[in-house]
Amino acid sequence: MLIRISFRHFITSTILLLINFQILAQLQSQKVLQRKSIADSLIVLNNENNLLPFANLNLTMASLSIGVDTITTFEQRLADYNKIENFIIKERLSEPDFNLLIKNLKKYDIVICSLHNLNNNQQLSIGIKKQMTDLVRFLSDSVKSVIVLFGDKTCLSQLKGIEKAPVVLLANEESIDAEDFTAQLLFGGIGAKGKLSSSINEFFKQGDGIETLGGIRFQYCLPEELGLDSKFIETKVDSIAQRGIKERAFPGCQVIAAKDGKIFFQQTYGFQTYDSFLPVKNTNIYDYASVTKISGALPCLMKLYDEGKFKLDTPFYTYWPQFKHSNKKELVVRDVLTHQARLVPGLSLWKYTLKKNGKFKHHVIRHHASRKYPTKISDNMYLHKNYEKVI
């Protein structure tokens, strides 16, 4: 009797588990389709001189958010592509504050102005409406500006002068996904393909919509969009990262995973140092140093190996012919990659400028500059012009 009950319980639990998995899979599939629909609906109405997608990341950029009181998903995603200074306006500014804002915005090469929560007509009926119009007019006339409207497209008709802005972009809804994809569109993670379903005014008419190039930089997506399981990835990566921090293998880390030009996982853990003072952020910049060997060359070699164009147990001179007639002709590729080829890790070239007694060689370094010794390396020390060729 106990065996029958246990078996029945096992069968029931298994069926429920399978049903839950099926429901979860359906929800994820619906989410993927919903996100694609949002991305496809983004509409670029102006794109003067093909400003979008941004080509030059060396330009100074500012983000001005109107109608919110905190950093949004839009600003967060912008920061994944470039350094952005953020300005936020929740309500009408005093005249001095408004003038100061205008003065500050003039310092930037590009100003990205996003308009939020405009579906609430009250936002446009109170004093902020005139300031918003004044800001749009200033941005349209004075700087390279990108005006982004989240929400009801009819609000565009109430913003006089917006048609003169170099870039006008419409997201038909105010949502996390809409803000996320809009930021990606600006930097070329995705392209624009949306069209107006109906006319707004004499400037923005039915069928308007400019296509822009996508795929010039990484796109951010869900793992499911690549056929991967987000729950499995998060669980595995989290456990590895947390164990590494607990075992003090590292104080913190940032994990980023991409496939086919799309980033499907990005998460930070822990702190920059063991004193737990500064948390790790997505915007942290790292000194790659020796990591370039595994982050740069190694993926290329792995791809060549998979394609049968590269072999591990072959002489290194097969791919570096200069080594064939040197003392390195016996080196094997696998040994070089596993750091057991007996190569010297570095050369202390400065030692070759010294004599046995520790003094500098007279034909290499002189105490005064001349045509033969033009390169200053320290006070009263000048290097021979041909030394670079000698080493």
Protein backbone atom coordinates (compact mmCIF):
# COMPACT_ATOMS: atom_id res chain seq x y z
CA MET A 1 0.00 0.00 0.00
CA LEU A 2 2.81 2.39 0.93
CA ILE A 3 4.62 1.52 -2.28
CA ARG A 4 1.51 2.27 -4.37
CA ILE A 5 0.96 5.63 -2.66
CA SER A 6 4.62 6.59 -3.07
CA PHE A 7 4.59 5.62 -6.73
CA ARG A 8 1.35 7.54 -7.32
CA HIS A 9 2.86 10.58 -5.57
CA PHE A 10 5.99 10.29 -7.73
CA ILE A 11 3.94 10.16 -10.93
CA THR A 12 1.80 13.13 -9.86
CA SER A 13 4.84 15.21 -8.89
CA THR A 14 6.56 14.39 -12.17
CA ILE A 15 3.51 15.39 -14.21
CA LEU A 16 3.18 18.68 -12.30
CA LEU A 17 6.86 19.40 -12.82
CA LEU A 18 6.56 18.79 -16.55
CA ILE A 19 3.50 21.02 -16.73
CA ASN A 20 5.39 23.78 -14.91
CA PHE A 21 8.30 23.46 -17.31
CA GLN A 22 5.91 23.65 -20.26
CA ILE A 23 4.18 26.75 -18.86
CA LEU A 24 7.54 28.40 -18.19
CA ALA A 25 8.72 27.61 -21.73
CA GLN A 26 5.54 29.11 -23.17
CA LEU A 27 5.94 32.26 -21.08
CA GLN A 28 9.55 32.65 -22.19
CA SER A 29 8.52 32.13 -25.81
CA GLN A 30 5.83 34.79 -25.45
CA LYS A 31 8.38 37.13 -23.86
CA VAL A 32 10.78 36.68 -26.77
CA LEU A 33 8.01 37.44 -29.29
CA GLN A 34 6.86 40.46 -27.27
CA ARG A 35 10.39 41.88 -27.15
CA LYS A 36 10.81 41.42 -30.90
CA SER A 37 7.54 43.25 -31.49
CA ILE A 38 8.70 46.17 -29.34
CA ALA A 39 12.07 46.37 -31.09
CA ASP A 40 10.42 46.32 -34.52
CA SER A 41 7.97 49.09 -33.53
CA LEU A 42 10.61 51.74 -32.76
CA ILE A 43 10.30 54.59 -35.27
CA VAL A 44 13.02 57.04 -36.33
CA LEU A 45 11.27 60.12 -37.75
CA ASN A 46 14.33 62.37 -38.24
CA ASN A 47 17.94 61.31 -38.77
CA GLU A 48 19.86 64.34 -39.98
CA ASN A 49 23.20 63.52 -41.64
CA ASN A 50 22.75 59.86 -40.61
CA LEU A 51 23.62 60.71 -37.02
CA LEU A 52 22.16 57.33 -36.00
CA PRO A 53 23.64 54.98 -35.20
CA PHE A 54 26.35 56.90 -33.35
CA ALA A 55 29.63 56.26 -35.13
CA ASN A 56 32.07 58.27 -33.00
CA LEU A 57 32.24 57.24 -29.35
CA ASN A 58 34.86 59.90 -28.60
CA LEU A 59 32.19 62.61 -28.63
CA THR A 60 30.97 63.93 -25.27
CA MET A 61 27.39 62.87 -24.58
CA ALA A 62 24.71 63.87 -22.09
CA SER A 63 21.32 62.35 -21.32
CA LEU A 64 18.47 64.62 -20.26
CA SER A 65 15.46 62.74 -18.85
CA ILE A 66 12.20 64.66 -18.44
CA GLY A 67 9.27 63.32 -16.41
CA VAL A 68 11.17 60.92 -14.12
CA ASP A 69 12.97 61.31 -10.82
CA THR A 70 15.60 58.58 -11.08
CA ILE A 71 17.91 56.85 -13.54
CA THR A 72 15.88 54.65 -15.88
CA THR A 73 16.61 51.51 -17.89
CA PHE A 74 17.21 53.81 -20.85
CA GLU A 75 20.09 55.64 -19.15
CA GLN A 76 21.51 52.40 -17.74
CA ARG A 77 21.68 50.83 -21.18
CA LEU A 78 23.19 53.98 -22.71
CA ALA A 79 26.00 53.67 -20.16
CA ASP A 80 26.76 50.16 -21.45
CA TYR A 81 27.86 51.72 -24.74
CA ASN A 82 29.56 54.97 -23.77
CA LYS A 83 30.23 57.43 -20.98
CA ILE A 84 27.06 59.47 -20.47
CA GLU A 85 26.44 62.38 -18.09
CA ASN A 86 22.86 62.27 -16.75
CA PHE A 87 20.48 65.16 -16.07
CA ILE A 88 16.97 64.58 -14.68
CA ILE A 89 13.91 66.86 -14.60
CA LYS A 90 10.84 65.70 -12.70
CA GLU A 91 8.98 69.01 -12.41
CA ARG A 92 9.20 72.61 -13.52
CA LEU A 93 12.59 74.24 -12.82
CA SER A 94 13.10 77.73 -11.49
CA GLU A 95 14.37 80.20 -14.08
CA PRO A 96 17.96 80.23 -12.71
CA ASP A 97 18.06 76.40 -12.65
CA PHE A 98 16.64 76.23 -16.15
CA ASN A 99 19.27 78.66 -17.47
CA LEU A 100 22.02 76.73 -15.69
CA LEU A 101 20.80 73.51 -17.31
CA ILE A 102 20.92 75.13 -20.75
CA LYS A 103 24.45 76.36 -20.06
CA ASN A 104 25.61 72.90 -19.00
CA LEU A 105 24.06 71.14 -21.98
CA LYS A 106 25.93 73.42 -24.40
CA LYS A 107 29.18 71.75 -23.29
CA TYR A 108 28.32 68.42 -24.91
CA ASP A 109 28.69 67.28 -28.50
CA ILE A 110 25.46 65.26 -28.37
CA VAL A 111 22.46 65.62 -26.05
CA ILE A 112 19.98 62.75 -25.79
CA CYS A 113 16.65 64.05 -24.45
CA SER A 114 14.10 61.44 -23.40
CA LEU A 115 10.50 62.37 -22.60
CA HIS A 116 8.75 60.06 -20.12
CA ASN A 117 5.28 59.57 -18.65
CA LEU A 118 3.64 61.81 -21.24
CA ASN A 119 0.61 59.54 -21.50
CA ASN A 120 -0.58 61.42 -18.43
CA ASN A 121 -2.05 64.59 -19.97
CA GLN A 122 -1.49 66.44 -16.72
CA GLN A 123 2.22 66.34 -17.41
CA LEU A 124 1.62 68.49 -20.48
CA SER A 125 -0.99 70.78 -18.96
CA ILE A 126 1.10 72.10 -16.08
CA GLY A 127 4.09 74.42 -16.16
CA ILE A 128 6.55 71.78 -17.31
CA LYS A 129 4.88 71.84 -20.74
CA LYS A 130 6.30 75.27 -21.65
CA GLN A 131 9.75 74.40 -20.30
CA MET A 132 9.70 71.14 -22.23
CA THR A 133 8.84 73.05 -25.40
CA ASP A 134 11.60 75.59 -24.70
CA LEU A 135 14.09 72.78 -24.12
CA VAL A 136 13.09 71.01 -27.33
CA ARG A 137 13.45 74.27 -29.25
CA PHE A 138 16.89 74.91 -27.74
CA LEU A 139 18.06 71.35 -28.43
CA SER A 140 16.76 71.51 -32.00
CA ASP A 141 18.54 74.78 -32.78
CA SER A 142 21.73 74.78 -30.71
CA VAL A 143 23.27 71.30 -30.38
CA LYS A 144 23.30 67.87 -32.00
CA SER A 145 20.27 66.48 -30.25
CA VAL A 146 18.32 63.26 -30.13
CA ILE A 147 14.72 63.62 -28.94
CA VAL A 148 13.17 60.35 -27.75
CA LEU A 149 9.47 60.13 -26.88
CA PHE A 150 8.25 57.19 -24.79
CA GLY A 151 4.49 56.75 -24.99
CA ASP A 152 1.62 58.39 -26.83
CA LYS A 153 2.79 59.62 -30.24
CA THR A 154 0.14 62.39 -30.30
CA CYS A 155 2.24 64.25 -27.70
CA LEU A 156 4.65 65.07 -30.54
CA SER A 157 2.10 67.50 -31.96
CA GLN A 158 2.13 69.46 -28.68
CA LEU A 159 5.89 69.99 -28.72
CA LYS A 160 6.41 72.92 -31.05
CA GLY A 161 9.67 72.85 -32.99
CA ILE A 162 10.43 69.17 -32.40
CA GLU A 163 10.36 68.56 -36.16
CA LYS A 164 13.60 70.59 -36.41
CA ALA A 165 15.54 68.29 -34.09
CA PRO A 166 18.36 66.39 -35.86
CA VAL A 167 17.00 63.08 -34.56
CA VAL A 168 13.44 62.26 -33.45
CA LEU A 169 12.72 58.76 -32.22
CA LEU A 170 9.34 57.39 -31.14
CA ALA A 171 8.79 54.42 -28.81
CA ASN A 172 5.06 53.70 -28.71
CA GLU A 173 5.12 52.53 -25.11
CA GLU A 174 6.77 53.30 -21.78
CA SER A 175 8.29 50.00 -20.67
CA ILE A 176 11.59 48.51 -19.58
CA ASP A 177 11.97 46.67 -22.89
CA ALA A 178 11.14 49.77 -24.93
CA GLU A 179 13.74 51.82 -23.07
CA ASP A 180 16.29 49.03 -23.39
CA PHE A 181 15.88 48.61 -27.16
CA THR A 182 15.76 52.36 -27.79
CA ALA A 183 19.19 52.82 -26.19
CA GLN A 184 20.52 49.90 -28.25
CA LEU A 185 19.14 51.46 -31.42
CA LEU A 186 21.00 54.73 -30.81
CA PHE A 187 24.34 52.91 -30.74
CA GLY A 188 23.63 50.41 -33.51
CA GLY A 189 23.01 47.32 -31.41
CA ILE A 190 19.75 46.98 -33.36
CA GLY A 191 18.40 48.83 -36.37
CA ALA A 192 15.18 50.81 -36.81
CA LYS A 193 12.44 49.57 -39.12
CA GLY A 194 9.18 50.94 -37.67
CA LYS A 195 6.68 53.11 -39.58
CA LEU A 196 3.89 55.45 -38.40
CA SER A 197 0.51 53.73 -38.62
CA SER A 198 -1.25 57.09 -38.81
CA SER A 199 -0.35 60.75 -39.28
CA ILE A 200 0.45 62.95 -36.27
CA ASN A 201 0.64 66.38 -37.97
CA GLU A 202 1.92 67.96 -41.17
CA PHE A 203 5.50 67.01 -40.28
CA PHE A 204 5.08 63.38 -39.23
CA LYS A 205 2.76 61.50 -41.57
CA GLN A 206 1.47 57.97 -41.99
CA GLY A 207 4.15 55.64 -43.33
CA ASP A 208 7.02 57.83 -42.13
CA GLY A 209 9.93 55.95 -40.61
CA ILE A 210 13.65 55.88 -41.41
CA GLU A 211 15.55 52.60 -41.35
CA THR A 212 18.90 52.59 -39.57
CA LEU A 213 21.77 50.14 -39.46
CA GLY A 214 21.97 47.56 -36.69
CA GLY A 215 24.55 44.99 -35.68
CA ILE A 216 27.50 47.41 -35.71
CA ARG A 217 27.89 46.93 -31.96
CA PHE A 218 26.83 44.28 -29.46
CA GLN A 219 23.10 43.77 -29.00
CA TYR A 220 21.70 42.89 -25.56
CA CYS A 221 19.15 40.08 -25.49
CA LEU A 222 17.62 37.31 -23.39
CA PRO A 223 19.32 33.89 -23.43
CA GLU A 224 16.06 32.43 -24.77
CA GLU A 225 16.42 34.55 -27.90
CA LEU A 226 19.47 32.41 -28.68
CA GLY A 227 17.85 29.14 -27.64
CA LEU A 228 19.49 29.15 -24.20
CA ASP A 229 18.04 28.67 -20.70
CA SER A 230 18.37 31.84 -18.60
CA LYS A 231 17.55 30.09 -15.32
CA PHE A 232 20.24 27.45 -15.87
CA ILE A 233 22.85 30.06 -16.82
CA GLU A 234 22.07 32.34 -13.88
CA THR A 235 22.17 29.46 -11.39
CA LYS A 236 25.48 28.08 -12.64
CA VAL A 237 27.26 31.42 -13.02
CA ASP A 238 26.00 32.72 -9.67
CA SER A 239 27.20 29.62 -7.83
CA ILE A 240 30.68 29.78 -9.40
CA ALA A 241 31.07 33.52 -8.77
CA GLN A 242 29.81 33.35 -5.18
CA ARG A 243 32.07 30.39 -4.38
CA GLY A 244 35.07 32.22 -5.81
CA ILE A 245 34.33 35.21 -3.58
CA LYS A 246 33.70 33.00 -0.53
CA GLU A 247 36.98 31.12 -1.08
CA ARG A 248 38.73 34.49 -1.56
CA ALA A 249 39.94 33.53 -5.03
CA PHE A 250 38.93 37.07 -5.97
CA PRO A 251 37.11 39.93 -4.20
CA GLY A 252 34.64 40.40 -7.03
CA CYS A 253 34.17 39.93 -10.74
CA GLN A 254 32.14 40.83 -13.79
CA VAL A 255 30.79 38.08 -16.04
CA ILE A 256 29.72 38.78 -19.59
CA ALA A 257 28.70 36.19 -22.18
CA ALA A 258 27.90 36.77 -25.85
CA LYS A 259 27.02 34.72 -28.92
CA ASP A 260 26.61 35.82 -32.52
CA GLY A 261 27.18 39.46 -31.60
CA LYS A 262 24.56 39.40 -28.85
CA ILE A 263 25.24 39.74 -25.12
CA PHE A 264 22.86 37.39 -23.29
CA PHE A 265 24.36 37.54 -19.80
CA GLN A 266 25.99 40.38 -17.89
CA GLN A 267 26.30 40.44 -14.12
CA THR A 268 28.64 41.82 -11.48
CA TYR A 269 29.54 40.23 -8.14
CA GLY A 270 31.35 41.36 -5.01
CA PHE A 271 33.78 44.25 -4.64
CA GLN A 272 36.84 45.66 -6.38
CA THR A 273 39.10 44.88 -3.42
CA TYR A 274 39.00 42.64 -0.37
CA ASP A 275 38.17 45.58 1.92
CA SER A 276 34.65 45.48 0.39
CA PHE A 277 34.66 49.23 -0.12
CA LEU A 278 33.79 49.69 -3.82
CA PRO A 279 31.32 47.27 -5.44
CA VAL A 280 32.03 45.97 -8.92
CA LYS A 281 30.06 47.83 -11.61
CA ASN A 282 29.35 47.15 -15.27
CA THR A 283 31.15 50.40 -16.11
CA ASN A 284 34.45 49.42 -14.44
CA ILE A 285 37.51 49.45 -16.71
CA TYR A 286 40.02 46.63 -16.35
CA ASP A 287 43.74 46.37 -17.06
CA TYR A 288 43.81 43.36 -19.37
CA ALA A 289 47.61 42.93 -19.31
CA SER A 290 48.36 39.23 -19.86
CA VAL A 291 44.66 38.45 -20.18
CA THR A 292 44.94 39.61 -23.81
CA LYS A 293 46.47 36.23 -24.66
CA ILE A 294 43.32 34.34 -23.72
CA SER A 295 40.80 37.04 -24.65
CA GLY A 296 42.39 38.02 -27.97
CA ALA A 297 44.53 35.35 -29.61
CA LEU A 298 43.05 32.21 -28.05
CA PRO A 299 39.46 32.52 -29.37
CA CYS A 300 40.89 33.01 -32.88
CA LEU A 301 43.08 29.91 -32.53
CA MET A 302 40.11 27.91 -31.20
CA LYS A 303 38.07 28.90 -34.25
CA LEU A 304 40.92 27.95 -36.62
CA TYR A 305 41.30 24.65 -34.79
CA ASP A 306 37.58 23.88 -35.18
CA GLU A 307 37.89 24.65 -38.89
CA GLY A 308 40.86 22.28 -39.26
CA LYS A 309 43.23 25.11 -40.17
CA PHE A 310 45.38 24.92 -37.05
CA LYS A 311 47.10 21.99 -35.31
CA LEU A 312 48.40 21.83 -31.75
CA ASP A 313 51.11 19.18 -32.09
CA THR A 314 52.98 20.67 -35.02
CA PRO A 315 56.23 22.71 -35.01
CA PHE A 316 55.65 26.33 -34.19
CA TYR A 317 57.65 27.43 -37.26
CA THR A 318 54.83 26.04 -39.42
CA TYR A 319 52.92 29.24 -38.60
CA TRP A 320 55.96 31.43 -37.79
CA PRO A 321 58.55 30.65 -40.52
CA GLN A 322 61.24 32.91 -38.98
CA PHE A 323 61.68 30.32 -36.20
CA LYS A 324 62.69 27.50 -38.59
CA HIS A 325 66.35 28.47 -38.75
CA SER A 326 66.74 29.57 -35.14
CA ASN A 327 67.23 27.97 -31.74
CA LYS A 328 63.44 27.87 -31.46
CA LYS A 329 62.86 25.48 -34.37
CA GLU A 330 61.99 22.58 -32.03
CA LEU A 331 59.14 24.42 -30.32
CA VAL A 332 55.69 22.80 -30.51
CA VAL A 333 52.49 24.84 -30.66
CA ARG A 334 50.89 23.02 -27.73
CA ASP A 335 53.90 23.73 -25.50
CA VAL A 336 53.85 27.43 -26.37
CA LEU A 337 50.14 27.69 -25.52
CA THR A 338 50.57 25.84 -22.21
CA HIS A 339 53.59 27.95 -21.14
CA GLN A 340 56.04 25.05 -21.13
CA ALA A 341 58.12 25.87 -24.21
CA ARG A 342 60.99 27.21 -22.05
CA LEU A 343 60.72 30.69 -23.58
CA VAL A 344 62.11 33.58 -21.53
CA PRO A 345 59.13 35.60 -20.25
CA GLY A 346 60.82 38.92 -20.98
CA LEU A 347 64.06 40.66 -21.90
CA SER A 348 65.67 43.25 -19.62
CA LEU A 349 67.09 45.26 -22.49
CA TRP A 350 68.52 47.91 -20.20
CA LYS A 351 71.11 45.40 -18.98
CA TYR A 352 72.68 45.37 -22.44
CA THR A 353 73.62 49.03 -21.98
CA LEU A 354 75.93 48.15 -19.05
CA LYS A 355 79.53 47.04 -18.91
CA LYS A 356 80.71 44.32 -16.51
CA ASN A 357 81.66 46.94 -13.94
CA GLY A 358 78.08 48.25 -13.93
CA LYS A 359 78.80 51.49 -15.80
CA PHE A 360 76.97 52.45 -18.98
CA LYS A 361 78.64 51.63 -22.28
CA HIS A 362 80.08 54.82 -23.76
CA HIS A 363 78.94 54.06 -27.32
CA VAL A 364 75.34 53.52 -26.12
CA ILE A 365 74.70 56.34 -23.64
CA ARG A 366 76.20 59.83 -23.31
CA HIS A 367 75.65 62.53 -20.73
CA HIS A 368 74.96 65.23 -23.32
CA ALA A 369 72.57 65.37 -26.27
CA SER A 370 73.94 65.41 -29.81
CA ARG A 371 72.99 64.34 -33.32
CA LYS A 372 74.15 60.79 -32.56
CA TYR A 373 72.55 60.76 -29.09
CA PRO A 374 69.22 62.57 -29.48
CA THR A 375 66.90 60.47 -27.29
CA LYS A 376 66.64 61.58 -23.67
CA ILE A 377 65.90 58.69 -21.30
CA SER A 378 66.67 60.49 -18.03
CA ASP A 379 68.49 63.52 -16.70
CA ASN A 380 71.96 63.68 -18.30
CA MET A 381 71.34 60.41 -20.16
CA TYR A 382 70.90 60.25 -23.94
CA LEU A 383 70.58 57.14 -26.09
CA HIS A 384 72.36 56.45 -29.39
CA LYS A 385 70.09 56.98 -32.40
CA ASN A 386 70.72 53.46 -33.77
CA TYR A 387 70.19 51.55 -30.51
CA GLU A 388 66.65 50.60 -31.45
CA LYS A 389 68.00 48.81 -34.55
CA VAL A 390 70.68 47.07 -32.50
CA ILE A 391 68.25 45.53 -29.98
